[in-house]
Structure formats: C-alpha cells, structure tokens
Amino acid sequence: MLERLKIYIACEDVNMIWDERDVLAFDSMWNEGLSIEDIAKSFDRDADEIALLIMDRARRGLIKNRPNGVFGRRMPA
C-alpha cells in the first residue's frame, strides 16, 4: 500500500483573484511610484496580495523596476 503524502499549500489564505480594472489601476499606481503599503490600502487588501501581483506583472514584463522597488514613495498622510 502506498503511503499518502501530507500536502502543504502555501499562501492558501491569500486572495490571488483580481478584477482587470483593478490590475490596470495597480499598474498606474506602480508607475506613479506608490509604495506597496499605499497600494494595499487603496485596494483594502493585504500587502502580500499586492506583492504577488507585483511578481506576476514583473514576470510577464508588464511593469518595470523602479527606484526604491516595492517601497516606492509614500503618499502624504
């Protein structure tokens, strides 16, 4: 009898589903240089979800590296 493996699913609690309009809005915010924290706040999402979108968009060549990377610039309080 084969032994069943215990499967671990990474980031199972992270929402990776995006509306296309939100993705385009993200691209704009990224290009404006907004920080990952400010982008997350604007979408009311966890910064980890934004980080995964950044990785996806960068791997596809749809966003470019920028000064200060994900930290970008902070919006005035």
PDB file of N, CA and C in Angstrom:
ATOM      1  N   MET A   1       0.844  -1.180   0.000  1.00  0.00           N
ATOM      2  CA  MET A   1       0.000   0.000   0.000  1.00  0.00           C
ATOM      3  C   MET A   1       0.889   1.243   0.000  1.00  0.00           C
ATOM      4  N   LEU A   2       0.552   2.185  -0.864  1.00  0.00           N
ATOM      5  CA  LEU A   2       1.307   3.432  -0.926  1.00  0.00           C
ATOM      6  C   LEU A   2       0.925   4.343   0.221  1.00  0.00           C
ATOM      7  N   GLU A   3       1.930   5.029   0.742  1.00  0.00           N
ATOM      8  CA  GLU A   3       1.704   5.985   1.807  1.00  0.00           C
ATOM      9  C   GLU A   3       1.261   7.323   1.207  1.00  0.00           C
ATOM     10  N   ARG A   4       0.215   7.922   1.736  1.00  0.00           N
ATOM     11  CA  ARG A   4      -0.252   9.230   1.261  1.00  0.00           C
ATOM     12  C   ARG A   4       0.642  10.315   1.819  1.00  0.00           C
ATOM     13  N   LEU A   5       0.977  11.269   0.976  1.00  0.00           N
ATOM     14  CA  LEU A   5       1.760  12.408   1.415  1.00  0.00           C
ATOM     15  C   LEU A   5       0.845  13.436   2.049  1.00  0.00           C
ATOM     16  N   LYS A   6       1.360  14.104   3.067  1.00  0.00           N
ATOM     17  CA  LYS A   6       0.629  15.236   3.622  1.00  0.00           C
ATOM     18  C   LYS A   6       0.971  16.437   2.757  1.00  0.00           C
ATOM     19  N   ILE A   7      -0.027  17.064   2.207  1.00  0.00           N
ATOM     20  CA  ILE A   7       0.191  18.182   1.292  1.00  0.00           C
ATOM     21  C   ILE A   7       0.087  19.489   2.062  1.00  0.00           C
ATOM     22  N   TYR A   8       1.026  20.376   1.798  1.00  0.00           N
ATOM     23  CA  TYR A   8       1.040  21.717   2.368  1.00  0.00           C
ATOM     24  C   TYR A   8       0.796  22.701   1.233  1.00  0.00           C
ATOM     25  N   ILE A   9      -0.192  23.534   1.367  1.00  0.00           N
ATOM     26  CA  ILE A   9      -0.495  24.532   0.344  1.00  0.00           C
ATOM     27  C   ILE A   9      -0.055  25.897   0.867  1.00  0.00           C
ATOM     28  N   ALA A  10       0.947  26.478   0.203  1.00  0.00           N
ATOM     29  CA  ALA A  10       1.479  27.781   0.609  1.00  0.00           C
ATOM     30  C   ALA A  10       0.498  28.889   0.255  1.00  0.00           C
ATOM     31  N   CYS A  11       0.370  29.833   1.144  1.00  0.00           N
ATOM     32  CA  CYS A  11      -0.439  31.043   0.920  1.00  0.00           C
ATOM     33  C   CYS A  11      -1.884  30.738   0.564  1.00  0.00           C
ATOM     34  N   GLU A  12      -2.401  29.684   1.120  1.00  0.00           N
ATOM     35  CA  GLU A  12      -3.776  29.277   0.822  1.00  0.00           C
ATOM     36  C   GLU A  12      -4.789  30.363   1.201  1.00  0.00           C
ATOM     37  N   ASP A  13      -4.443  31.179   2.192  1.00  0.00           N
ATOM     38  CA  ASP A  13      -5.351  32.213   2.666  1.00  0.00           C
ATOM     39  C   ASP A  13      -5.224  33.529   1.896  1.00  0.00           C
ATOM     40  N   VAL A  14      -4.346  33.572   0.902  1.00  0.00           N
ATOM     41  CA  VAL A  14      -4.120  34.801   0.147  1.00  0.00           C
ATOM     42  C   VAL A  14      -5.065  34.840  -1.057  1.00  0.00           C
ATOM     43  N   ASN A  15      -5.731  35.972  -1.213  1.00  0.00           N
ATOM     44  CA  ASN A  15      -6.639  36.164  -2.344  1.00  0.00           C
ATOM     45  C   ASN A  15      -5.813  36.576  -3.565  1.00  0.00           C
ATOM     46  N   MET A  16      -5.776  35.711  -4.566  1.00  0.00           N
ATOM     47  CA  MET A  16      -4.995  35.997  -5.767  1.00  0.00           C
ATOM     48  C   MET A  16      -5.883  36.316  -6.962  1.00  0.00           C
ATOM     49  N   ILE A  17      -7.150  36.580  -6.712  1.00  0.00           N
ATOM     50  CA  ILE A  17      -8.087  36.893  -7.788  1.00  0.00           C
ATOM     51  C   ILE A  17      -8.226  38.406  -7.893  1.00  0.00           C
ATOM     52  N   TRP A  18      -8.055  38.912  -9.120  1.00  0.00           N
ATOM     53  CA  TRP A  18      -8.092  40.360  -9.358  1.00  0.00           C
ATOM     54  C   TRP A  18      -9.045  40.671 -10.499  1.00  0.00           C
ATOM     55  N   ASP A  19      -9.774  41.753 -10.372  1.00  0.00           N
ATOM     56  CA  ASP A  19     -10.580  42.298 -11.459  1.00  0.00           C
ATOM     57  C   ASP A  19      -9.618  43.024 -12.410  1.00  0.00           C
ATOM     58  N   GLU A  20      -9.838  42.898 -13.696  1.00  0.00           N
ATOM     59  CA  GLU A  20      -8.938  43.512 -14.676  1.00  0.00           C
ATOM     60  C   GLU A  20      -8.805  45.024 -14.471  1.00  0.00           C
ATOM     61  N   ARG A  21      -9.897  45.696 -14.102  1.00  0.00           N
ATOM     62  CA  ARG A  21      -9.833  47.143 -13.847  1.00  0.00           C
ATOM     63  C   ARG A  21      -8.884  47.455 -12.701  1.00  0.00           C
ATOM     64  N   ASP A  22      -8.903  46.605 -11.661  1.00  0.00           N
ATOM     65  CA  ASP A  22      -8.019  46.810 -10.520  1.00  0.00           C
ATOM     66  C   ASP A  22      -6.561  46.577 -10.905  1.00  0.00           C
ATOM     67  N   VAL A  23      -6.326  45.616 -11.786  1.00  0.00           N
ATOM     68  CA  VAL A  23      -4.961  45.355 -12.246  1.00  0.00           C
ATOM     69  C   VAL A  23      -4.430  46.574 -13.007  1.00  0.00           C
ATOM     70  N   LEU A  24      -5.253  47.151 -13.854  1.00  0.00           N
ATOM     71  CA  LEU A  24      -4.839  48.341 -14.595  1.00  0.00           C
ATOM     72  C   LEU A  24      -4.621  49.522 -13.647  1.00  0.00           C
ATOM     73  N   ALA A  25      -5.477  49.639 -12.619  1.00  0.00           N
ATOM     74  CA  ALA A  25      -5.285  50.688 -11.615  1.00  0.00           C
ATOM     75  C   ALA A  25      -3.993  50.446 -10.845  1.00  0.00           C
ATOM     76  N   PHE A  26      -3.704  49.180 -10.512  1.00  0.00           N
ATOM     77  CA  PHE A  26      -2.440  48.843  -9.857  1.00  0.00           C
ATOM     78  C   PHE A  26      -1.263  49.269 -10.721  1.00  0.00           C
ATOM     79  N   ASP A  27      -1.294  48.919 -12.020  1.00  0.00           N
ATOM     80  CA  ASP A  27      -0.205  49.281 -12.930  1.00  0.00           C
ATOM     81  C   ASP A  27       0.049  50.786 -12.885  1.00  0.00           C
ATOM     82  N   SER A  28      -1.015  51.557 -12.878  1.00  0.00           N
ATOM     83  CA  SER A  28      -0.899  53.010 -12.840  1.00  0.00           C
ATOM     84  C   SER A  28      -0.250  53.466 -11.527  1.00  0.00           C
ATOM     85  N   MET A  29      -0.703  52.912 -10.416  1.00  0.00           N
ATOM     86  CA  MET A  29      -0.124  53.271  -9.111  1.00  0.00           C
ATOM     87  C   MET A  29       1.348  52.885  -9.036  1.00  0.00           C
ATOM     88  N   TRP A  30       1.672  51.710  -9.582  1.00  0.00           N
ATOM     89  CA  TRP A  30       3.062  51.256  -9.596  1.00  0.00           C
ATOM     90  C   TRP A  30       3.913  52.237 -10.398  1.00  0.00           C
ATOM     91  N   ASN A  31       3.425  52.605 -11.573  1.00  0.00           N
ATOM     92  CA  ASN A  31       4.173  53.526 -12.436  1.00  0.00           C
ATOM     93  C   ASN A  31       4.295  54.924 -11.835  1.00  0.00           C
ATOM     94  N   GLU A  32       3.328  55.303 -10.987  1.00  0.00           N
ATOM     95  CA  GLU A  32       3.401  56.582 -10.277  1.00  0.00           C
ATOM     96  C   GLU A  32       4.388  56.523  -9.118  1.00  0.00           C
ATOM     97  N   GLY A  33       4.827  55.305  -8.780  1.00  0.00           N
ATOM     98  CA  GLY A  33       5.819  55.147  -7.721  1.00  0.00           C
ATOM     99  C   GLY A  33       5.259  54.951  -6.330  1.00  0.00           C
ATOM    100  N   LEU A  34       3.952  54.660  -6.208  1.00  0.00           N
ATOM    101  CA  LEU A  34       3.366  54.486  -4.875  1.00  0.00           C
ATOM    102  C   LEU A  34       3.938  53.253  -4.180  1.00  0.00           C
ATOM    103  N   SER A  35       3.997  53.323  -2.862  1.00  0.00           N
ATOM    104  CA  SER A  35       4.543  52.215  -2.072  1.00  0.00           C
ATOM    105  C   SER A  35       3.564  51.045  -2.036  1.00  0.00           C
ATOM    106  N   ILE A  36       4.094  49.878  -1.738  1.00  0.00           N
ATOM    107  CA  ILE A  36       3.269  48.685  -1.622  1.00  0.00           C
ATOM    108  C   ILE A  36       2.213  48.869  -0.529  1.00  0.00           C
ATOM    109  N   GLU A  37       2.579  49.562   0.559  1.00  0.00           N
ATOM    110  CA  GLU A  37       1.632  49.792   1.649  1.00  0.00           C
ATOM    111  C   GLU A  37       0.462  50.666   1.187  1.00  0.00           C
ATOM    112  N   ASP A  38       0.777  51.735   0.451  1.00  0.00           N
ATOM    113  CA  ASP A  38      -0.280  52.632  -0.033  1.00  0.00           C
ATOM    114  C   ASP A  38      -1.162  51.959  -1.077  1.00  0.00           C
ATOM    115  N   ILE A  39      -0.568  51.145  -1.922  1.00  0.00           N
ATOM    116  CA  ILE A  39      -1.360  50.414  -2.913  1.00  0.00           C
ATOM    117  C   ILE A  39      -2.289  49.443  -2.199  1.00  0.00           C
ATOM    118  N   ALA A  40      -1.771  48.731  -1.203  1.00  0.00           N
ATOM    119  CA  ALA A  40      -2.588  47.776  -0.441  1.00  0.00           C
ATOM    120  C   ALA A  40      -3.759  48.493   0.230  1.00  0.00           C
ATOM    121  N   LYS A  41      -3.499  49.640   0.826  1.00  0.00           N
ATOM    122  CA  LYS A  41      -4.576  50.409   1.474  1.00  0.00           C
ATOM    123  C   LYS A  41      -5.635  50.827   0.469  1.00  0.00           C
ATOM    124  N   SER A  42      -5.214  51.255  -0.709  1.00  0.00           N
ATOM    125  CA  SER A  42      -6.178  51.739  -1.694  1.00  0.00           C
ATOM    126  C   SER A  42      -7.110  50.631  -2.181  1.00  0.00           C
ATOM    127  N   PHE A  43      -6.640  49.386  -2.155  1.00  0.00           N
ATOM    128  CA  PHE A  43      -7.467  48.248  -2.561  1.00  0.00           C
ATOM    129  C   PHE A  43      -8.084  47.520  -1.372  1.00  0.00           C
ATOM    130  N   ASP A  44      -7.756  47.965  -0.147  1.00  0.00           N
ATOM    131  CA  ASP A  44      -8.198  47.289   1.070  1.00  0.00           C
ATOM    132  C   ASP A  44      -7.823  45.807   1.018  1.00  0.00           C
ATOM    133  N   ARG A  45      -6.544  45.585   0.671  1.00  0.00           N
ATOM    134  CA  ARG A  45      -6.019  44.222   0.565  1.00  0.00           C
ATOM    135  C   ARG A  45      -4.721  44.133   1.340  1.00  0.00           C
ATOM    136  N   ASP A  46      -4.324  42.928   1.651  1.00  0.00           N
ATOM    137  CA  ASP A  46      -3.078  42.666   2.365  1.00  0.00           C
ATOM    138  C   ASP A  46      -1.891  42.948   1.448  1.00  0.00           C
ATOM    139  N   ALA A  47      -0.813  43.458   2.017  1.00  0.00           N
ATOM    140  CA  ALA A  47       0.390  43.760   1.231  1.00  0.00           C
ATOM    141  C   ALA A  47       0.938  42.507   0.546  1.00  0.00           C
ATOM    142  N   ASP A  48       0.725  41.325   1.139  1.00  0.00           N
ATOM    143  CA  ASP A  48       1.180  40.082   0.499  1.00  0.00           C
ATOM    144  C   ASP A  48       0.465  39.857  -0.833  1.00  0.00           C
ATOM    145  N   GLU A  49      -0.801  40.215  -0.900  1.00  0.00           N
ATOM    146  CA  GLU A  49      -1.548  40.069  -2.155  1.00  0.00           C
ATOM    147  C   GLU A  49      -1.004  41.016  -3.216  1.00  0.00           C
ATOM    148  N   ILE A  50      -0.619  42.207  -2.797  1.00  0.00           N
ATOM    149  CA  ILE A  50      -0.014  43.164  -3.728  1.00  0.00           C
ATOM    150  C   ILE A  50       1.342  42.643  -4.183  1.00  0.00           C
ATOM    151  N   ALA A  51       2.115  42.080  -3.254  1.00  0.00           N
ATOM    152  CA  ALA A  51       3.444  41.538  -3.595  1.00  0.00           C
ATOM    153  C   ALA A  51       3.333  40.440  -4.646  1.00  0.00           C
ATOM    154  N   LEU A  52       2.330  39.584  -4.516  1.00  0.00           N
ATOM    155  CA  LEU A  52       2.144  38.527  -5.514  1.00  0.00           C
ATOM    156  C   LEU A  52       1.757  39.101  -6.865  1.00  0.00           C
ATOM    157  N   LEU A  53       0.932  40.145  -6.865  1.00  0.00           N
ATOM    158  CA  LEU A  53       0.580  40.795  -8.130  1.00  0.00           C
ATOM    159  C   LEU A  53       1.810  41.456  -8.745  1.00  0.00           C
ATOM    160  N   ILE A  54       2.649  42.070  -7.922  1.00  0.00           N
ATOM    161  CA  ILE A  54       3.899  42.670  -8.418  1.00  0.00           C
ATOM    162  C   ILE A  54       4.751  41.604  -9.092  1.00  0.00           C
ATOM    163  N   MET A  55       4.919  40.453  -8.435  1.00  0.00           N
ATOM    164  CA  MET A  55       5.731  39.376  -9.017  1.00  0.00           C
ATOM    165  C   MET A  55       5.146  38.903 -10.343  1.00  0.00           C
ATOM    166  N   ASP A  56       3.828  38.735 -10.381  1.00  0.00           N
ATOM    167  CA  ASP A  56       3.176  38.290 -11.609  1.00  0.00           C
ATOM    168  C   ASP A  56       3.370  39.289 -12.744  1.00  0.00           C
ATOM    169  N   ARG A  57       3.099  40.572 -12.460  1.00  0.00           N
ATOM    170  CA  ARG A  57       3.203  41.591 -13.502  1.00  0.00           C
ATOM    171  C   ARG A  57       4.645  41.761 -13.974  1.00  0.00           C
ATOM    172  N   ALA A  58       5.597  41.666 -13.044  1.00  0.00           N
ATOM    173  CA  ALA A  58       7.018  41.791 -13.406  1.00  0.00           C
ATOM    174  C   ALA A  58       7.477  40.599 -14.246  1.00  0.00           C
ATOM    175  N   ARG A  59       7.076  39.393 -13.869  1.00  0.00           N
ATOM    176  CA  ARG A  59       7.467  38.194 -14.632  1.00  0.00           C
ATOM    177  C   ARG A  59       6.943  38.240 -16.060  1.00  0.00           C
ATOM    178  N   ARG A  60       5.784  38.865 -16.231  1.00  0.00           N
ATOM    179  CA  ARG A  60       5.192  38.990 -17.566  1.00  0.00           C
ATOM    180  C   ARG A  60       5.743  40.194 -18.327  1.00  0.00           C
ATOM    181  N   GLY A  61       6.609  40.971 -17.669  1.00  0.00           N
ATOM    182  CA  GLY A  61       7.191  42.148 -18.309  1.00  0.00           C
ATOM    183  C   GLY A  61       6.227  43.313 -18.437  1.00  0.00           C
ATOM    184  N   LEU A  62       5.198  43.338 -17.607  1.00  0.00           N
ATOM    185  CA  LEU A  62       4.162  44.363 -17.721  1.00  0.00           C
ATOM    186  C   LEU A  62       4.377  45.553 -16.798  1.00  0.00           C
ATOM    187  N   ILE A  63       5.289  45.416 -15.841  1.00  0.00           N
ATOM    188  CA  ILE A  63       5.730  46.550 -15.028  1.00  0.00           C
ATOM    189  C   ILE A  63       7.251  46.507 -14.992  1.00  0.00           C
ATOM    190  N   LYS A  64       7.833  47.645 -14.762  1.00  0.00           N
ATOM    191  CA  LYS A  64       9.294  47.763 -14.761  1.00  0.00           C
ATOM    192  C   LYS A  64       9.803  47.975 -13.340  1.00  0.00           C
ATOM    193  N   ASN A  65      11.095  47.673 -13.156  1.00  0.00           N
ATOM    194  CA  ASN A  65      11.743  48.026 -11.897  1.00  0.00           C
ATOM    195  C   ASN A  65      11.680  49.530 -11.741  1.00  0.00           C
ATOM    196  N   ARG A  66      11.726  49.990 -10.498  1.00  0.00           N
ATOM    197  CA  ARG A  66      11.650  51.424 -10.249  1.00  0.00           C
ATOM    198  C   ARG A  66      12.515  51.778  -9.054  1.00  0.00           C
ATOM    199  N   PRO A  67      12.861  53.046  -8.912  1.00  0.00           N
ATOM    200  CA  PRO A  67      13.649  53.449  -7.742  1.00  0.00           C
ATOM    201  C   PRO A  67      12.914  53.059  -6.458  1.00  0.00           C
ATOM    202  N   ASN A  68      13.623  52.554  -5.504  1.00  0.00           N
ATOM    203  CA  ASN A  68      13.089  52.096  -4.213  1.00  0.00           C
ATOM    204  C   ASN A  68      12.200  50.862  -4.307  1.00  0.00           C
ATOM    205  N   GLY A  69      12.154  50.209  -5.459  1.00  0.00           N
ATOM    206  CA  GLY A  69      11.420  48.949  -5.597  1.00  0.00           C
ATOM    207  C   GLY A  69      10.007  49.001  -5.058  1.00  0.00           C
ATOM    208  N   VAL A  70       9.621  47.977  -4.253  1.00  0.00           N
ATOM    209  CA  VAL A  70       8.259  47.917  -3.727  1.00  0.00           C
ATOM    210  C   VAL A  70       7.979  49.025  -2.720  1.00  0.00           C
ATOM    211  N   PHE A  71       9.045  49.592  -2.139  1.00  0.00           N
ATOM    212  CA  PHE A  71       8.846  50.636  -1.136  1.00  0.00           C
ATOM    213  C   PHE A  71       8.383  51.942  -1.768  1.00  0.00           C
ATOM    214  N   GLY A  72       8.754  52.167  -3.014  1.00  0.00           N
ATOM    215  CA  GLY A  72       8.290  53.345  -3.751  1.00  0.00           C
ATOM    216  C   GLY A  72       8.351  54.610  -2.920  1.00  0.00           C
ATOM    217  N   ARG A  73       7.333  55.442  -3.091  1.00  0.00           N
ATOM    218  CA  ARG A  73       7.228  56.666  -2.297  1.00  0.00           C
ATOM    219  C   ARG A  73       5.907  56.607  -1.543  1.00  0.00           C
ATOM    220  N   ARG A  74       5.898  57.125  -0.334  1.00  0.00           N
ATOM    221  CA  ARG A  74       4.684  57.118   0.488  1.00  0.00           C
ATOM    222  C   ARG A  74       3.797  58.297   0.153  1.00  0.00           C
ATOM    223  N   MET A  75       2.497  58.086   0.175  1.00  0.00           N
ATOM    224  CA  MET A  75       1.530  59.167  -0.016  1.00  0.00           C
ATOM    225  C   MET A  75       1.509  60.013   1.244  1.00  0.00           C
ATOM    226  N   PRO A  76       1.263  61.304   1.105  1.00  0.00           N
ATOM    227  CA  PRO A  76       1.171  62.162   2.298  1.00  0.00           C
ATOM    228  C   PRO A  76       0.036  61.676   3.204  1.00  0.00           C
ATOM    229  N   ALA A  77       0.252  61.765   4.491  1.00  0.00           N
ATOM    230  CA  ALA A  77      -0.757  61.286   5.466  1.00  0.00           C
ATOM    231  C   ALA A  77      -1.961  62.157   5.538  1.00  0.00           C
TER     232      ALA A  77
END
